């Protein structure tokens, strides 16, 4: 329990150093990744770049050039609802979970694969720009960042079972969300390392990319404008052998422009070489080929 208090104590100390007008909050509700973020503006003159008219290329260029000129510190607490569902289902319905397997195909693993922790806390220091919508003074998630993130938690998940594991990862990332009246665009590019204290989990180095687009004015069956993809590659940092590779494509269907609601269905493939685990976790068996299927609403 003490572990959970550490991030809260740190955030309280940081908050006390800044005026209220330099602190803002935002949140996101998602079936797979929901979060609450606190932003602390390090630029007391509030000269955050408004990139509303920037092209996507200009955004990346400006962020990278100013990586080591930080203007924002943020604290994020995230929870992964579908990961928690997988843990709950296996723990309370073990017999049903086992009966649902068909030739190593388990529907619960199919819809929960890829999220290997139930929750986490993150600290980010870097450069931020915003996209101000003239019709709405609330910026919300309409931001882009580049910088360094440290994430921590105390459990890792394998096969819908939580194992006590104080882990942390350090990554450099470029990410953002750009919302207009008709379109939402999300992107993320990251490289980092994940360190485990549990001796049965291997440390890793990873690289990943994600891009998602929803256009509420285009045909809902358009694959170009209403789709997303993500990919990730990780290697064992001790052996430098491939640990896992993941690729996901998502088709999105805009449902409501007024309320910005969409439904997405992701189909992906996760390849696990076995290098992610050690000892008894490796010996108990590994699904090397894992189908990923993720239905999801976004609003």
C-alpha atoms as a PDB file:
ATOM      1  CA  UNK A   1       0.000   0.000   0.000  1.00  0.00           C
ATOM      2  CA  UNK A   2       2.892   2.354   0.678  1.00  0.00           C
ATOM      3  CA  UNK A   3       3.915   2.046  -2.970  1.00  0.00           C
ATOM      4  CA  UNK A   4       0.702   3.767  -4.114  1.00  0.00           C
ATOM      5  CA  UNK A   5       1.246   6.697  -1.745  1.00  0.00           C
ATOM      6  CA  UNK A   6       4.618   7.657  -3.227  1.00  0.00           C
ATOM      7  CA  UNK A   7       3.258   9.146  -6.509  1.00  0.00           C
ATOM      8  CA  UNK A   8       0.540  11.012  -4.606  1.00  0.00           C
ATOM      9  CA  UNK A   9       3.068  12.526  -2.189  1.00  0.00           C
ATOM     10  CA  UNK A  10       5.293  13.635  -5.075  1.00  0.00           C
ATOM     11  CA  UNK A  11       2.362  15.222  -6.911  1.00  0.00           C
ATOM     12  CA  UNK A  12       1.237  17.054  -3.758  1.00  0.00           C
ATOM     13  CA  UNK A  13       4.726  18.484  -3.297  1.00  0.00           C
ATOM     14  CA  UNK A  14       4.879  19.633  -6.910  1.00  0.00           C
ATOM     15  CA  UNK A  15       1.393  21.143  -6.754  1.00  0.00           C
ATOM     16  CA  UNK A  16       2.269  23.247  -3.722  1.00  0.00           C
ATOM     17  CA  UNK A  17       5.033  24.949  -5.695  1.00  0.00           C
ATOM     18  CA  UNK A  18       2.794  26.299  -8.443  1.00  0.00           C
ATOM     19  CA  UNK A  19      -0.095  28.727  -8.662  1.00  0.00           C
ATOM     20  CA  UNK A  20      -3.509  27.277  -9.473  1.00  0.00           C
ATOM     21  CA  UNK A  21      -3.590  28.912 -12.921  1.00  0.00           C
ATOM     22  CA  UNK A  22      -0.492  26.933 -13.899  1.00  0.00           C
ATOM     23  CA  UNK A  23      -2.166  23.598 -13.139  1.00  0.00           C
ATOM     24  CA  UNK A  24      -4.829  21.953 -15.304  1.00  0.00           C
ATOM     25  CA  UNK A  25      -6.450  18.536 -15.523  1.00  0.00           C
ATOM     26  CA  UNK A  26      -7.823  16.239 -18.191  1.00  0.00           C
ATOM     27  CA  UNK A  27      -9.128  12.703 -18.399  1.00  0.00           C
ATOM     28  CA  UNK A  28      -9.939  10.004 -20.938  1.00  0.00           C
ATOM     29  CA  UNK A  29     -12.429   7.155 -20.638  1.00  0.00           C
ATOM     30  CA  UNK A  30     -11.635   4.072 -22.696  1.00  0.00           C
ATOM     31  CA  UNK A  31     -12.308   0.353 -22.336  1.00  0.00           C
ATOM     32  CA  UNK A  32      -8.609  -0.431 -22.551  1.00  0.00           C
ATOM     33  CA  UNK A  33      -6.803   2.668 -21.303  1.00  0.00           C
ATOM     34  CA  UNK A  34      -8.519   5.228 -19.069  1.00  0.00           C
ATOM     35  CA  UNK A  35      -6.533   7.974 -17.391  1.00  0.00           C
ATOM     36  CA  UNK A  36      -6.506  11.135 -15.331  1.00  0.00           C
ATOM     37  CA  UNK A  37      -3.755  13.679 -16.062  1.00  0.00           C
ATOM     38  CA  UNK A  38      -2.503  16.689 -14.128  1.00  0.00           C
ATOM     39  CA  UNK A  39      -0.536  19.263 -16.136  1.00  0.00           C
ATOM     40  CA  UNK A  40       1.937  21.623 -14.454  1.00  0.00           C
ATOM     41  CA  UNK A  41       2.998  24.507 -16.681  1.00  0.00           C
ATOM     42  CA  UNK A  42       6.731  25.161 -16.295  1.00  0.00           C
ATOM     43  CA  UNK A  43       6.564  28.296 -18.451  1.00  0.00           C
ATOM     44  CA  UNK A  44       5.240  30.922 -16.046  1.00  0.00           C
ATOM     45  CA  UNK A  45       4.669  33.328 -18.938  1.00  0.00           C
ATOM     46  CA  UNK A  46       2.404  30.688 -20.471  1.00  0.00           C
ATOM     47  CA  UNK A  47       4.010  30.902 -23.907  1.00  0.00           C
ATOM     48  CA  UNK A  48       2.850  27.462 -25.003  1.00  0.00           C
ATOM     49  CA  UNK A  49       2.826  27.167 -28.796  1.00  0.00           C
ATOM     50  CA  UNK A  50      -0.601  27.170 -30.437  1.00  0.00           C
ATOM     51  CA  UNK A  51      -0.119  24.749 -33.333  1.00  0.00           C
ATOM     52  CA  UNK A  52      -3.666  24.846 -34.674  1.00  0.00           C
ATOM     53  CA  UNK A  53      -2.470  25.759 -38.176  1.00  0.00           C
ATOM     54  CA  UNK A  54       0.625  23.539 -38.175  1.00  0.00           C
ATOM     55  CA  UNK A  55       0.902  20.669 -40.612  1.00  0.00           C
ATOM     56  CA  UNK A  56       1.588  17.229 -39.146  1.00  0.00           C
ATOM     57  CA  UNK A  57       5.192  17.473 -40.343  1.00  0.00           C
ATOM     58  CA  UNK A  58       5.601  20.902 -38.698  1.00  0.00           C
ATOM     59  CA  UNK A  59       4.329  19.487 -35.400  1.00  0.00           C
ATOM     60  CA  UNK A  60       6.936  16.715 -35.315  1.00  0.00           C
ATOM     61  CA  UNK A  61       9.734  19.077 -36.368  1.00  0.00           C
ATOM     62  CA  UNK A  62       8.939  21.716 -33.758  1.00  0.00           C
ATOM     63  CA  UNK A  63       8.581  19.181 -30.944  1.00  0.00           C
ATOM     64  CA  UNK A  64      11.837  17.382 -31.698  1.00  0.00           C
ATOM     65  CA  UNK A  65      13.789  20.646 -32.004  1.00  0.00           C
ATOM     66  CA  UNK A  66      12.561  21.709 -28.555  1.00  0.00           C
ATOM     67  CA  UNK A  67      12.860  18.381 -26.766  1.00  0.00           C
ATOM     68  CA  UNK A  68      15.445  19.707 -24.313  1.00  0.00           C
ATOM     69  CA  UNK A  69      13.538  22.932 -23.696  1.00  0.00           C
ATOM     70  CA  UNK A  70      10.723  21.571 -21.491  1.00  0.00           C
ATOM     71  CA  UNK A  71       7.652  23.612 -20.676  1.00  0.00           C
ATOM     72  CA  UNK A  72       5.425  20.986 -19.057  1.00  0.00           C
ATOM     73  CA  UNK A  73       5.485  18.416 -16.279  1.00  0.00           C
ATOM     74  CA  UNK A  74       2.589  16.021 -16.000  1.00  0.00           C
ATOM     75  CA  UNK A  75       1.447  13.265 -13.715  1.00  0.00           C
ATOM     76  CA  UNK A  76      -0.827  10.567 -15.068  1.00  0.00           C
ATOM     77  CA  UNK A  77      -2.632   7.771 -13.314  1.00  0.00           C
ATOM     78  CA  UNK A  78      -4.074   5.166 -15.637  1.00  0.00           C
ATOM     79  CA  UNK A  79      -6.260   2.120 -15.261  1.00  0.00           C
ATOM     80  CA  UNK A  80      -6.843  -0.646 -17.792  1.00  0.00           C
ATOM     81  CA  UNK A  81     -10.468  -1.841 -17.450  1.00  0.00           C
ATOM     82  CA  UNK A  82     -10.207  -4.816 -19.808  1.00  0.00           C
ATOM     83  CA  UNK A  83      -7.076  -6.046 -18.052  1.00  0.00           C
ATOM     84  CA  UNK A  84      -8.980  -5.910 -14.764  1.00  0.00           C
ATOM     85  CA  UNK A  85     -11.873  -7.752 -16.389  1.00  0.00           C
ATOM     86  CA  UNK A  86      -9.512 -10.536 -17.508  1.00  0.00           C
ATOM     87  CA  UNK A  87      -8.070 -10.832 -14.000  1.00  0.00           C
ATOM     88  CA  UNK A  88     -11.518 -10.878 -12.413  1.00  0.00           C
ATOM     89  CA  UNK A  89     -12.955 -13.406 -14.865  1.00  0.00           C
ATOM     90  CA  UNK A  90     -10.156 -15.927 -14.467  1.00  0.00           C
ATOM     91  CA  UNK A  91     -10.018 -15.514 -10.690  1.00  0.00           C
ATOM     92  CA  UNK A  92     -13.773 -15.912 -10.170  1.00  0.00           C
ATOM     93  CA  UNK A  93     -14.674 -18.203 -13.084  1.00  0.00           C
ATOM     94  CA  UNK A  94     -11.630 -20.411 -13.484  1.00  0.00           C
ATOM     95  CA  UNK A  95     -13.604 -23.455 -14.676  1.00  0.00           C
ATOM     96  CA  UNK A  96     -15.416 -21.411 -17.351  1.00  0.00           C
ATOM     97  CA  UNK A  97     -12.112 -19.820 -18.351  1.00  0.00           C
ATOM     98  CA  UNK A  98     -10.520 -23.245 -18.863  1.00  0.00           C
ATOM     99  CA  UNK A  99     -13.550 -24.706 -20.676  1.00  0.00           C
ATOM    100  CA  UNK A 100     -13.580 -21.798 -23.117  1.00  0.00           C
ATOM    101  CA  UNK A 101     -10.191 -22.850 -24.546  1.00  0.00           C
ATOM    102  CA  UNK A 102     -10.269 -24.377 -28.000  1.00  0.00           C
ATOM    103  CA  UNK A 103      -6.935 -25.497 -29.440  1.00  0.00           C
ATOM    104  CA  UNK A 104      -5.053 -22.883 -27.358  1.00  0.00           C
ATOM    105  CA  UNK A 105      -7.611 -20.254 -28.423  1.00  0.00           C
ATOM    106  CA  UNK A 106      -9.035 -18.479 -25.392  1.00  0.00           C
ATOM    107  CA  UNK A 107     -11.590 -15.701 -26.014  1.00  0.00           C
ATOM    108  CA  UNK A 108     -10.727 -13.875 -22.782  1.00  0.00           C
ATOM    109  CA  UNK A 109      -7.048 -13.701 -23.747  1.00  0.00           C
ATOM    110  CA  UNK A 110      -8.004 -12.599 -27.251  1.00  0.00           C
ATOM    111  CA  UNK A 111      -9.782  -9.463 -26.010  1.00  0.00           C
ATOM    112  CA  UNK A 112      -7.289  -8.653 -23.226  1.00  0.00           C
ATOM    113  CA  UNK A 113      -3.917  -9.468 -24.861  1.00  0.00           C
ATOM    114  CA  UNK A 114      -1.360  -6.692 -25.095  1.00  0.00           C
ATOM    115  CA  UNK A 115      -2.142  -4.909 -21.822  1.00  0.00           C
ATOM    116  CA  UNK A 116       0.140  -6.451 -19.249  1.00  0.00           C
ATOM    117  CA  UNK A 117      -0.543  -4.324 -16.180  1.00  0.00           C
ATOM    118  CA  UNK A 118      -3.822  -3.441 -14.424  1.00  0.00           C
ATOM    119  CA  UNK A 119      -2.810   0.171 -13.732  1.00  0.00           C
ATOM    120  CA  UNK A 120       0.201   2.453 -13.618  1.00  0.00           C
ATOM    121  CA  UNK A 121       1.479   5.892 -12.586  1.00  0.00           C
ATOM    122  CA  UNK A 122       3.500   8.038 -14.981  1.00  0.00           C
ATOM    123  CA  UNK A 123       5.625  11.175 -14.763  1.00  0.00           C
ATOM    124  CA  UNK A 124       6.456  13.128 -17.900  1.00  0.00           C
ATOM    125  CA  UNK A 125       8.838  16.028 -18.487  1.00  0.00           C
ATOM    126  CA  UNK A 126       9.050  17.602 -21.913  1.00  0.00           C
ATOM    127  CA  UNK A 127       7.752  19.999 -24.519  1.00  0.00           C
ATOM    128  CA  UNK A 128       4.060  20.555 -25.152  1.00  0.00           C
ATOM    129  CA  UNK A 129       2.051  22.434 -27.751  1.00  0.00           C
ATOM    130  CA  UNK A 130      -1.706  22.865 -27.896  1.00  0.00           C
ATOM    131  CA  UNK A 131      -4.391  23.048 -30.587  1.00  0.00           C
ATOM    132  CA  UNK A 132      -6.858  25.754 -29.578  1.00  0.00           C
ATOM    133  CA  UNK A 133     -10.321  25.405 -31.030  1.00  0.00           C
ATOM    134  CA  UNK A 134     -11.768  28.878 -31.520  1.00  0.00           C
ATOM    135  CA  UNK A 135     -15.261  27.590 -30.655  1.00  0.00           C
ATOM    136  CA  UNK A 136     -14.168  26.005 -27.392  1.00  0.00           C
ATOM    137  CA  UNK A 137     -11.879  27.566 -24.789  1.00  0.00           C
ATOM    138  CA  UNK A 138     -11.332  24.164 -23.139  1.00  0.00           C
ATOM    139  CA  UNK A 139      -8.219  22.562 -24.629  1.00  0.00           C
ATOM    140  CA  UNK A 140      -8.730  19.148 -23.064  1.00  0.00           C
ATOM    141  CA  UNK A 141      -6.692  16.447 -24.782  1.00  0.00           C
ATOM    142  CA  UNK A 142      -5.991  18.684 -27.811  1.00  0.00           C
ATOM    143  CA  UNK A 143      -2.229  18.639 -27.210  1.00  0.00           C
ATOM    144  CA  UNK A 144       1.045  17.224 -28.518  1.00  0.00           C
ATOM    145  CA  UNK A 145       4.174  16.315 -26.553  1.00  0.00           C
ATOM    146  CA  UNK A 146       7.716  15.158 -26.814  1.00  0.00           C
ATOM    147  CA  UNK A 147       9.898  14.216 -23.877  1.00  0.00           C
ATOM    148  CA  UNK A 148      10.732  11.593 -21.312  1.00  0.00           C
ATOM    149  CA  UNK A 149       8.276   9.485 -19.344  1.00  0.00           C
ATOM    150  CA  UNK A 150       8.825   7.294 -16.295  1.00  0.00           C
ATOM    151  CA  UNK A 151       6.039   4.815 -15.485  1.00  0.00           C
ATOM    152  CA  UNK A 152       5.767   2.616 -12.394  1.00  0.00           C
ATOM    153  CA  UNK A 153       3.457  -0.053 -11.010  1.00  0.00           C
ATOM    154  CA  UNK A 154       3.569  -3.155  -8.848  1.00  0.00           C
ATOM    155  CA  UNK A 155       1.920  -5.932 -10.876  1.00  0.00           C
ATOM    156  CA  UNK A 156       2.512  -7.589 -14.232  1.00  0.00           C
ATOM    157  CA  UNK A 157       0.011  -9.855 -15.982  1.00  0.00           C
ATOM    158  CA  UNK A 158       0.613 -13.177 -17.710  1.00  0.00           C
ATOM    159  CA  UNK A 159      -2.300 -15.277 -18.979  1.00  0.00           C
ATOM    160  CA  UNK A 160      -4.831 -13.166 -17.022  1.00  0.00           C
ATOM    161  CA  UNK A 161      -3.024 -13.771 -13.720  1.00  0.00           C
ATOM    162  CA  UNK A 162      -1.421 -10.867 -11.842  1.00  0.00           C
ATOM    163  CA  UNK A 163       2.092 -11.412 -10.490  1.00  0.00           C
ATOM    164  CA  UNK A 164       3.585  -9.093  -7.896  1.00  0.00           C
ATOM    165  CA  UNK A 165       6.290  -7.159  -9.724  1.00  0.00           C
ATOM    166  CA  UNK A 166       7.523  -3.660  -8.927  1.00  0.00           C
ATOM    167  CA  UNK A 167       8.459  -2.543 -12.402  1.00  0.00           C
ATOM    168  CA  UNK A 168       9.280   0.747 -14.053  1.00  0.00           C
ATOM    169  CA  UNK A 169       9.932   1.829 -17.585  1.00  0.00           C
ATOM    170  CA  UNK A 170      11.673   4.854 -19.042  1.00  0.00           C
ATOM    171  CA  UNK A 171      10.824   6.013 -22.541  1.00  0.00           C
ATOM    172  CA  UNK A 172      11.221   8.855 -24.990  1.00  0.00           C
ATOM    173  CA  UNK A 173       8.032   9.595 -26.889  1.00  0.00           C
ATOM    174  CA  UNK A 174       6.341  11.888 -29.356  1.00  0.00           C
ATOM    175  CA  UNK A 175       2.579  11.760 -29.021  1.00  0.00           C
ATOM    176  CA  UNK A 176      -0.502  13.862 -29.412  1.00  0.00           C
ATOM    177  CA  UNK A 177      -4.200  14.262 -30.063  1.00  0.00           C
ATOM    178  CA  UNK A 178      -5.570  16.772 -32.535  1.00  0.00           C
ATOM    179  CA  UNK A 179      -9.334  17.277 -32.623  1.00  0.00           C
ATOM    180  CA  UNK A 180     -11.259  19.466 -35.034  1.00  0.00           C
ATOM    181  CA  UNK A 181     -14.991  19.849 -35.598  1.00  0.00           C
ATOM    182  CA  UNK A 182     -14.927  16.975 -38.081  1.00  0.00           C
ATOM    183  CA  UNK A 183     -11.835  14.884 -37.409  1.00  0.00           C
ATOM    184  CA  UNK A 184      -9.822  13.320 -34.568  1.00  0.00           C
ATOM    185  CA  UNK A 185      -6.185  12.362 -35.055  1.00  0.00           C
ATOM    186  CA  UNK A 186      -4.008  10.525 -32.519  1.00  0.00           C
ATOM    187  CA  UNK A 187      -0.372   9.480 -32.851  1.00  0.00           C
ATOM    188  CA  UNK A 188       2.381   8.026 -30.700  1.00  0.00           C
ATOM    189  CA  UNK A 189       6.012   7.114 -31.383  1.00  0.00           C
ATOM    190  CA  UNK A 190       8.074   5.747 -28.493  1.00  0.00           C
ATOM    191  CA  UNK A 191      11.274   3.957 -27.580  1.00  0.00           C
ATOM    192  CA  UNK A 192      12.202   2.823 -24.105  1.00  0.00           C
ATOM    193  CA  UNK A 193      13.165   0.148 -21.629  1.00  0.00           C
ATOM    194  CA  UNK A 194      11.160  -1.762 -19.028  1.00  0.00           C
ATOM    195  CA  UNK A 195      12.816  -3.026 -15.833  1.00  0.00           C
ATOM    196  CA  UNK A 196      11.260  -5.720 -13.613  1.00  0.00           C
ATOM    197  CA  UNK A 197      12.032  -6.596 -10.007  1.00  0.00           C
ATOM    198  CA  UNK A 198      10.257  -9.942 -10.279  1.00  0.00           C
ATOM    199  CA  UNK A 199      13.021 -12.354 -11.376  1.00  0.00           C
ATOM    200  CA  UNK A 200      10.617 -14.322 -13.593  1.00  0.00           C
ATOM    201  CA  UNK A 201      10.061 -11.370 -15.961  1.00  0.00           C
ATOM    202  CA  UNK A 202      12.831 -10.343 -18.353  1.00  0.00           C
ATOM    203  CA  UNK A 203      13.898  -6.735 -18.812  1.00  0.00           C
ATOM    204  CA  UNK A 204      13.312  -5.403 -22.292  1.00  0.00           C
ATOM    205  CA  UNK A 205      14.013  -2.651 -24.798  1.00  0.00           C
ATOM    206  CA  UNK A 206      11.109  -1.697 -27.040  1.00  0.00           C
ATOM    207  CA  UNK A 207      10.035   0.558 -29.886  1.00  0.00           C
ATOM    208  CA  UNK A 208       6.471   1.289 -30.893  1.00  0.00           C
ATOM    209  CA  UNK A 209       4.285   3.436 -33.127  1.00  0.00           C
ATOM    210  CA  UNK A 210       0.572   4.172 -33.325  1.00  0.00           C
ATOM    211  CA  UNK A 211      -1.591   6.370 -35.527  1.00  0.00           C
ATOM    212  CA  UNK A 212      -5.367   6.697 -35.418  1.00  0.00           C
ATOM    213  CA  UNK A 213      -7.737   8.749 -37.558  1.00  0.00           C
ATOM    214  CA  UNK A 214     -11.497   9.317 -37.333  1.00  0.00           C
ATOM    215  CA  UNK A 215     -13.240  11.566 -39.873  1.00  0.00           C
ATOM    216  CA  UNK A 216     -16.897  12.100 -39.036  1.00  0.00           C
ATOM    217  CA  UNK A 217     -17.648  13.600 -42.457  1.00  0.00           C
ATOM    218  CA  UNK A 218     -16.200  10.777 -44.528  1.00  0.00           C
ATOM    219  CA  UNK A 219     -17.953   7.551 -45.400  1.00  0.00           C
ATOM    220  CA  UNK A 220     -17.991   5.352 -42.301  1.00  0.00           C
ATOM    221  CA  UNK A 221     -16.634   2.462 -44.374  1.00  0.00           C
ATOM    222  CA  UNK A 222     -13.619   4.456 -45.565  1.00  0.00           C
ATOM    223  CA  UNK A 223     -10.481   2.514 -44.695  1.00  0.00           C
ATOM    224  CA  UNK A 224      -8.185   5.481 -45.353  1.00  0.00           C
ATOM    225  CA  UNK A 225      -9.864   8.067 -43.124  1.00  0.00           C
ATOM    226  CA  UNK A 226     -11.363   5.876 -40.411  1.00  0.00           C
ATOM    227  CA  UNK A 227      -8.696   3.477 -39.345  1.00  0.00           C
ATOM    228  CA  UNK A 228      -5.811   3.021 -36.945  1.00  0.00           C
ATOM    229  CA  UNK A 229      -2.675   0.945 -36.738  1.00  0.00           C
ATOM    230  CA  UNK A 230      -0.149   0.208 -34.025  1.00  0.00           C
ATOM    231  CA  UNK A 231       3.023  -1.830 -33.959  1.00  0.00           C
ATOM    232  CA  UNK A 232       5.521  -2.735 -31.255  1.00  0.00           C
ATOM    233  CA  UNK A 233       8.803  -4.652 -31.162  1.00  0.00           C
ATOM    234  CA  UNK A 234      10.622  -5.672 -27.963  1.00  0.00           C
ATOM    235  CA  UNK A 235      13.912  -7.447 -27.338  1.00  0.00           C
ATOM    236  CA  UNK A 236      15.316  -9.057 -24.204  1.00  0.00           C
ATOM    237  CA  UNK A 237      17.839  -6.497 -22.910  1.00  0.00           C
ATOM    238  CA  UNK A 238      20.091  -9.234 -21.506  1.00  0.00           C
ATOM    239  CA  UNK A 239      20.255 -11.578 -24.512  1.00  0.00           C
ATOM    240  CA  UNK A 240      19.321  -9.025 -27.221  1.00  0.00           C
ATOM    241  CA  UNK A 241      16.980 -11.654 -28.672  1.00  0.00           C
ATOM    242  CA  UNK A 242      13.501 -10.860 -29.932  1.00  0.00           C
ATOM    243  CA  UNK A 243      11.009 -11.065 -27.044  1.00  0.00           C
ATOM    244  CA  UNK A 244       7.761 -10.146 -28.779  1.00  0.00           C
ATOM    245  CA  UNK A 245       6.287  -8.397 -31.780  1.00  0.00           C
ATOM    246  CA  UNK A 246       2.810  -6.942 -32.118  1.00  0.00           C
ATOM    247  CA  UNK A 247       0.843  -5.506 -35.033  1.00  0.00           C
ATOM    248  CA  UNK A 248      -2.750  -4.255 -34.857  1.00  0.00           C
ATOM    249  CA  UNK A 249      -5.101  -2.722 -37.426  1.00  0.00           C
ATOM    250  CA  UNK A 250      -8.339  -1.100 -36.299  1.00  0.00           C
ATOM    251  CA  UNK A 251     -11.371  -0.163 -38.358  1.00  0.00           C
ATOM    252  CA  UNK A 252     -13.403   2.704 -36.930  1.00  0.00           C
ATOM    253  CA  UNK A 253     -17.038   3.593 -37.547  1.00  0.00           C
ATOM    254  CA  UNK A 254     -18.070   7.185 -36.674  1.00  0.00           C
ATOM    255  CA  UNK A 255     -21.472   7.046 -34.973  1.00  0.00           C
ATOM    256  CA  UNK A 256     -22.191  10.638 -33.980  1.00  0.00           C
ATOM    257  CA  UNK A 257     -20.527  13.882 -35.080  1.00  0.00           C
ATOM    258  CA  UNK A 258     -22.437  15.920 -32.498  1.00  0.00           C
ATOM    259  CA  UNK A 259     -21.265  13.813 -29.548  1.00  0.00           C
ATOM    260  CA  UNK A 260     -18.027  12.563 -31.163  1.00  0.00           C
ATOM    261  CA  UNK A 261     -18.794   8.872 -30.605  1.00  0.00           C
ATOM    262  CA  UNK A 262     -17.205   6.075 -32.610  1.00  0.00           C
ATOM    263  CA  UNK A 263     -16.961   2.307 -32.494  1.00  0.00           C
ATOM    264  CA  UNK A 264     -13.730   0.523 -33.310  1.00  0.00           C
ATOM    265  CA  UNK A 265     -12.820  -3.093 -33.919  1.00  0.00           C
ATOM    266  CA  UNK A 266      -9.139  -4.037 -33.784  1.00  0.00           C
ATOM    267  CA  UNK A 267      -7.635  -7.164 -35.253  1.00  0.00           C
ATOM    268  CA  UNK A 268      -4.033  -7.973 -34.469  1.00  0.00           C
ATOM    269  CA  UNK A 269      -1.321 -10.539 -33.969  1.00  0.00           C
ATOM    270  CA  UNK A 270       1.085 -10.902 -31.038  1.00  0.00           C
ATOM    271  CA  UNK A 271       4.164 -13.093 -31.413  1.00  0.00           C
ATOM    272  CA  UNK A 272       5.871 -14.151 -28.179  1.00  0.00           C
ATOM    273  CA  UNK A 273       9.230 -15.922 -28.469  1.00  0.00           C
ATOM    274  CA  UNK A 274       9.423 -16.854 -24.786  1.00  0.00           C
ATOM    275  CA  UNK A 275      12.243 -14.400 -24.059  1.00  0.00           C
ATOM    276  CA  UNK A 276       9.840 -12.298 -21.959  1.00  0.00           C
ATOM    277  CA  UNK A 277       9.841 -14.805 -19.120  1.00  0.00           C
ATOM    278  CA  UNK A 278      12.235 -16.779 -16.958  1.00  0.00           C
ATOM    279  CA  UNK A 279      12.049 -19.729 -14.579  1.00  0.00           C
ATOM    280  CA  UNK A 280       8.650 -21.069 -13.654  1.00  0.00           C
ATOM    281  CA  UNK A 281       6.725 -18.550 -15.762  1.00  0.00           C
ATOM    282  CA  UNK A 282       8.578 -19.764 -18.844  1.00  0.00           C
ATOM    283  CA  UNK A 283       8.236 -23.418 -17.895  1.00  0.00           C
ATOM    284  CA  UNK A 284       4.475 -23.280 -17.333  1.00  0.00           C
ATOM    285  CA  UNK A 285       3.879 -22.660 -21.012  1.00  0.00           C
ATOM    286  CA  UNK A 286       3.724 -19.772 -23.459  1.00  0.00           C
ATOM    287  CA  UNK A 287       1.283 -19.005 -26.264  1.00  0.00           C
ATOM    288  CA  UNK A 288       3.724 -17.988 -28.976  1.00  0.00           C
ATOM    289  CA  UNK A 289       0.993 -16.961 -31.412  1.00  0.00           C
ATOM    290  CA  UNK A 290      -1.791 -14.820 -29.997  1.00  0.00           C
ATOM    291  CA  UNK A 291      -4.750 -13.382 -31.870  1.00  0.00           C
ATOM    292  CA  UNK A 292      -5.897  -9.943 -30.685  1.00  0.00           C
ATOM    293  CA  UNK A 293      -9.490  -8.754 -31.034  1.00  0.00           C
ATOM    294  CA  UNK A 294     -10.507  -5.474 -29.374  1.00  0.00           C
ATOM    295  CA  UNK A 295     -13.992  -3.988 -29.652  1.00  0.00           C
ATOM    296  CA  UNK A 296     -14.028  -0.459 -28.277  1.00  0.00           C
ATOM    297  CA  UNK A 297     -16.208   2.641 -28.034  1.00  0.00           C
ATOM    298  CA  UNK A 298     -14.634   6.083 -27.903  1.00  0.00           C
ATOM    299  CA  UNK A 299     -16.297   9.329 -26.910  1.00  0.00           C
END
